[in-house]
Amino acid sequence: MSKEDGHPLMGILAMDCLKHYCIQLDFQAGKMRFLDSKHLDVTQLGKPYKLKFWLYSPLFTDHAGLAGGKRAHSLVDTGWDADGSVEKGAIPGATNDWMHLPQCVWDGQTYTDLDVGTEGNILGLRFLARHLVTFDFPRRTMYLKPATDGRPLPDLEAKGALEFLLQLKRTGQAQGWSKEEHGTIYLESRPDSETYVFAARKDGDDRIYHYIVTRASKETPWKLQKAWRTDRDGKVAEELPGQ
């Protein structure tokens, strides 16, 4: 796991340990705080959501998913590095395992630029990071206080990689995606600390174009390492030349 994440890991704090504590995740400050559950000023923590522990300690809250739907409970998963997932049928006409939502309204709050799967209702890390999150596990309550006006938490390094890819498009060097074509591009994954995988969907085209943008270190320039196109079933249909 240390190799995959690009930095050393000394261990994992899992739910069988954390469920005994009150923990606050402040994504903007980059801090995790351990608080006293008995002396919380809940008026400063945002909206409360009751939590339920199920078998093997997965964490649920009784609320519909990010795209609505029939089911009224959602898995809270800080290990899911996208915004989450929605139940099948919640997005009319959805045919892909992954979807990009330009906007959604969840519990009265508007959120923009969401990346979601279609495996069931999950609230993931990218969604939670739009808030100040407080898990009062002893009292089985999660508090969410919006911190980004519904937008994704800024990732300055990702912005640099994205701007490099957009510059390739503007100059006609983004393989498979000409400067005259329009569409949506979003972050698909981050395999290591200096590599980003972006996905692009053209307007009126259900195929997806994937681009790996990487650099050797923070002092070196970005480069396009690999590009390919997948069909509507997610299968690789064409390998595109890199930079």
Protein backbone atom coordinates (compact mmCIF):
# COMPACT_ATOMS: atom_id res chain seq x y z
CA MET A 1 0.00 0.00 0.00
CA SER A 2 2.89 2.38 0.67
CA LYS A 3 4.13 1.88 -2.89
CA GLU A 4 0.67 2.39 -4.38
CA ASP A 5 -0.03 5.56 -2.38
CA GLY A 6 3.39 7.11 -3.01
CA HIS A 7 4.26 7.61 0.67
CA PRO A 8 4.99 5.32 3.63
CA LEU A 9 2.09 3.96 5.68
CA MET A 10 2.77 2.82 9.23
CA GLY A 11 -0.66 1.38 9.87
CA ILE A 12 -4.42 1.78 9.53
CA LEU A 13 -6.90 3.20 12.03
CA ALA A 14 -9.97 1.08 11.31
CA MET A 15 -13.57 1.39 12.45
CA ASP A 16 -13.25 -1.15 15.25
CA CYS A 17 -10.93 1.42 16.86
CA LEU A 18 -12.37 4.73 15.63
CA LYS A 19 -15.96 3.96 16.64
CA HIS A 20 -14.97 4.64 20.27
CA TYR A 21 -13.95 8.24 19.53
CA CYS A 22 -15.30 11.59 18.34
CA ILE A 23 -13.30 12.62 15.27
CA GLN A 24 -13.42 15.76 13.16
CA LEU A 25 -12.08 15.82 9.59
CA ASP A 26 -11.11 19.33 8.53
CA PHE A 27 -10.14 18.86 4.90
CA GLN A 28 -9.37 22.51 4.23
CA ALA A 29 -6.93 22.63 7.13
CA GLY A 30 -5.63 19.12 6.40
CA LYS A 31 -6.22 18.01 10.00
CA MET A 32 -7.97 15.23 11.88
CA ARG A 33 -9.01 16.22 15.40
CA PHE A 34 -10.00 13.99 18.31
CA LEU A 35 -12.72 15.80 20.29
CA ASP A 36 -14.50 15.24 23.58
CA SER A 37 -17.92 13.82 22.74
CA LYS A 38 -19.35 15.01 26.06
CA HIS A 39 -18.44 18.67 25.50
CA LEU A 40 -19.24 19.37 21.85
CA ASP A 41 -20.69 22.71 20.77
CA VAL A 42 -22.99 21.12 18.22
CA THR A 43 -24.30 24.52 17.11
CA GLN A 44 -20.97 25.01 15.29
CA LEU A 45 -20.81 21.61 13.62
CA GLY A 46 -23.51 21.81 10.94
CA LYS A 47 -26.41 19.48 10.28
CA PRO A 48 -26.62 16.21 12.25
CA TYR A 49 -27.20 12.80 10.65
CA LYS A 50 -27.82 9.70 12.76
CA LEU A 51 -25.40 6.84 12.11
CA LYS A 52 -25.97 3.09 12.18
CA PHE A 53 -23.35 0.35 12.43
CA TRP A 54 -24.08 -2.87 10.57
CA LEU A 55 -22.29 -6.21 10.41
CA TYR A 56 -18.47 -5.80 10.30
CA SER A 57 -19.02 -2.11 11.17
CA PRO A 58 -19.97 -0.49 7.85
CA LEU A 59 -21.46 2.90 8.57
CA PHE A 60 -24.88 4.00 7.30
CA THR A 61 -27.13 7.03 7.63
CA ASP A 62 -30.84 7.06 6.84
CA HIS A 63 -30.88 9.32 3.81
CA ALA A 64 -31.35 8.94 0.08
CA GLY A 65 -28.32 8.94 -2.21
CA LEU A 66 -26.80 11.82 -4.16
CA ALA A 67 -29.20 11.30 -7.07
CA GLY A 68 -32.24 10.41 -4.96
CA GLY A 69 -33.87 7.06 -5.59
CA LYS A 70 -36.08 4.64 -3.70
CA ARG A 71 -33.69 3.60 -0.93
CA ALA A 72 -33.53 5.83 2.14
CA HIS A 73 -30.15 4.88 3.55
CA SER A 74 -26.59 5.54 2.38
CA LEU A 75 -23.23 4.00 3.20
CA VAL A 76 -20.73 6.56 4.58
CA ASP A 77 -17.38 5.48 3.14
CA THR A 78 -14.25 7.58 3.68
CA GLY A 79 -12.31 4.97 1.70
CA TRP A 80 -14.31 5.68 -1.47
CA ASP A 81 -12.17 8.34 -3.19
CA ALA A 82 -14.91 9.60 -5.52
CA ASP A 83 -18.01 11.57 -4.48
CA GLY A 84 -19.82 8.31 -3.97
CA SER A 85 -22.25 6.11 -5.79
CA VAL A 86 -25.95 6.15 -6.67
CA GLU A 87 -28.47 3.35 -6.96
CA LYS A 88 -29.25 1.95 -10.37
CA GLY A 89 -32.15 3.77 -12.01
CA ALA A 90 -31.67 6.97 -10.01
CA ILE A 91 -30.16 8.67 -13.08
CA PRO A 92 -32.52 8.20 -16.08
CA GLY A 93 -30.76 6.66 -19.05
CA ALA A 94 -27.53 5.94 -17.19
CA THR A 95 -25.63 3.12 -18.92
CA ASN A 96 -22.12 3.44 -17.46
CA ASP A 97 -20.58 2.21 -14.23
CA TRP A 98 -19.31 5.75 -13.62
CA MET A 99 -21.17 9.00 -14.21
CA HIS A 100 -20.30 12.67 -14.01
CA LEU A 101 -23.02 14.85 -12.46
CA PRO A 102 -22.68 18.57 -13.25
CA GLN A 103 -25.01 19.29 -10.33
CA CYS A 104 -27.20 17.63 -7.73
CA VAL A 105 -29.26 18.72 -4.72
CA TRP A 106 -28.77 16.61 -1.60
CA ASP A 107 -30.72 17.42 1.56
CA GLY A 108 -31.43 20.94 0.32
CA GLN A 109 -27.80 21.77 -0.52
CA THR A 110 -26.61 22.19 -4.12
CA TYR A 111 -23.39 20.40 -5.10
CA THR A 112 -21.53 20.66 -8.40
CA ASP A 113 -19.02 18.59 -10.40
CA LEU A 114 -19.61 15.15 -8.88
CA ASP A 115 -18.11 11.82 -9.97
CA VAL A 116 -20.27 8.86 -8.93
CA GLY A 117 -20.54 5.16 -9.50
CA THR A 118 -23.77 3.20 -9.87
CA GLU A 119 -23.28 0.41 -7.32
CA GLY A 120 -25.67 1.74 -4.67
CA ASN A 121 -26.01 4.72 -2.35
CA ILE A 122 -22.57 5.72 -1.05
CA LEU A 123 -21.30 9.03 0.32
CA GLY A 124 -17.60 9.05 -0.56
CA LEU A 125 -14.51 10.98 0.41
CA ARG A 126 -14.69 13.60 -2.36
CA PHE A 127 -18.24 14.47 -1.27
CA LEU A 128 -17.39 14.52 2.44
CA ALA A 129 -14.37 16.76 1.73
CA ARG A 130 -16.77 19.54 0.71
CA HIS A 131 -17.66 19.81 4.42
CA LEU A 132 -16.27 20.08 7.88
CA VAL A 133 -17.09 16.53 8.99
CA THR A 134 -17.51 15.51 12.62
CA PHE A 135 -18.07 11.85 13.48
CA ASP A 136 -19.37 11.59 17.04
CA PHE A 137 -19.24 7.81 17.08
CA PRO A 138 -20.14 7.34 20.79
CA ARG A 139 -23.39 9.24 20.15
CA ARG A 140 -23.88 7.70 16.68
CA THR A 141 -24.07 11.08 14.92
CA MET A 142 -22.34 12.63 11.90
CA TYR A 143 -22.31 16.42 11.46
CA LEU A 144 -21.80 18.00 8.03
CA LYS A 145 -21.02 21.71 7.74
CA PRO A 146 -20.61 22.91 4.11
CA ALA A 147 -17.15 24.40 3.58
CA THR A 148 -16.78 24.87 -0.19
CA ASP A 149 -20.16 26.24 -1.41
CA GLY A 150 -20.92 22.81 -2.79
CA ARG A 151 -17.82 22.66 -4.97
CA PRO A 152 -15.11 19.99 -4.80
CA LEU A 153 -12.21 20.68 -2.47
CA PRO A 154 -9.51 22.37 -4.59
CA ASP A 155 -6.50 20.25 -5.44
CA LEU A 156 -3.85 22.66 -6.72
CA GLU A 157 -1.64 19.91 -8.11
CA ALA A 158 -4.58 18.37 -9.95
CA LYS A 159 -5.39 21.80 -11.35
CA GLY A 160 -1.87 22.06 -12.74
CA ALA A 161 -2.12 18.65 -14.39
CA LEU A 162 -5.57 19.50 -15.77
CA GLU A 163 -4.39 22.83 -17.14
CA PHE A 164 -1.54 21.03 -18.92
CA LEU A 165 -4.03 18.63 -20.52
CA LEU A 166 -6.37 21.48 -21.52
CA GLN A 167 -3.43 23.31 -23.08
CA LEU A 168 -2.74 20.21 -25.17
CA LYS A 169 -6.35 20.30 -26.31
CA ARG A 170 -6.21 24.02 -27.12
CA THR A 171 -3.17 23.43 -29.30
CA GLY A 172 -4.58 20.30 -30.96
CA GLN A 173 -2.18 17.88 -29.23
CA ALA A 174 -4.67 15.93 -27.07
CA GLN A 175 -4.97 12.68 -28.99
CA GLY A 176 -8.54 11.82 -29.95
CA TRP A 177 -9.93 15.18 -28.82
CA SER A 178 -9.53 18.10 -31.21
CA LYS A 179 -9.54 21.75 -30.14
CA GLU A 180 -12.84 22.29 -32.00
CA GLU A 181 -14.70 19.59 -30.02
CA HIS A 182 -16.51 20.29 -26.74
CA GLY A 183 -17.36 18.10 -23.79
CA THR A 184 -16.62 17.34 -20.13
CA ILE A 185 -13.33 16.35 -18.54
CA TYR A 186 -12.94 15.09 -14.98
CA LEU A 187 -10.40 13.45 -12.67
CA GLU A 188 -10.74 9.67 -12.81
CA SER A 189 -8.02 8.51 -10.41
CA ARG A 190 -4.63 9.34 -8.88
CA PRO A 191 -2.40 6.24 -8.97
CA ASP A 192 0.48 7.98 -7.17
CA SER A 193 1.50 11.41 -5.88
CA GLU A 194 2.70 12.73 -9.27
CA THR A 195 0.25 11.01 -11.64
CA TYR A 196 -3.34 11.84 -12.56
CA VAL A 197 -5.74 9.97 -14.80
CA PHE A 198 -8.38 12.14 -16.49
CA ALA A 199 -11.45 11.05 -18.43
CA ALA A 200 -13.09 13.12 -21.17
CA ARG A 201 -16.50 12.75 -22.75
CA LYS A 202 -17.36 14.64 -25.93
CA ASP A 203 -20.78 16.18 -26.42
CA GLY A 204 -23.02 13.71 -28.27
CA ASP A 205 -20.51 10.85 -27.92
CA ASP A 206 -20.88 8.02 -25.36
CA ARG A 207 -17.26 6.94 -25.74
CA ILE A 208 -14.75 8.00 -23.07
CA TYR A 209 -11.19 9.19 -23.67
CA HIS A 210 -8.64 8.61 -20.91
CA TYR A 211 -5.37 10.49 -20.37
CA ILE A 212 -2.54 9.77 -17.94
CA VAL A 213 -0.69 12.97 -17.02
CA THR A 214 2.46 12.56 -14.96
CA ARG A 215 5.76 14.14 -13.94
CA ALA A 216 8.94 12.85 -12.33
CA SER A 217 8.84 15.35 -9.44
CA LYS A 218 7.30 18.68 -8.45
CA GLU A 219 10.25 20.44 -10.13
CA THR A 220 9.75 18.80 -13.53
CA PRO A 221 7.11 19.56 -16.19
CA TRP A 222 3.97 17.55 -16.81
CA LYS A 223 3.81 15.16 -19.74
CA LEU A 224 1.16 12.98 -21.35
CA GLN A 225 2.21 9.41 -20.64
CA LYS A 226 -0.65 7.46 -22.19
CA ALA A 227 -4.03 7.95 -23.86
CA TRP A 228 -6.76 5.50 -24.86
CA ARG A 229 -10.45 5.32 -25.70
CA THR A 230 -13.08 3.00 -24.21
CA ASP A 231 -16.49 2.09 -25.59
CA ARG A 232 -19.81 2.36 -23.77
CA ASP A 233 -19.12 -0.96 -22.01
CA GLY A 234 -15.81 0.29 -20.62
CA LYS A 235 -13.67 -1.90 -22.88
CA VAL A 236 -10.52 -0.48 -24.47
CA ALA A 237 -11.40 0.23 -28.09
CA GLU A 238 -8.31 2.15 -29.19
CA GLU A 239 -4.85 2.94 -27.88
CA LEU A 240 -3.85 6.52 -28.65
CA PRO A 241 -0.21 7.65 -29.02
CA GLY A 242 1.29 9.46 -26.01
CA GLN A 243 3.29 12.66 -26.06
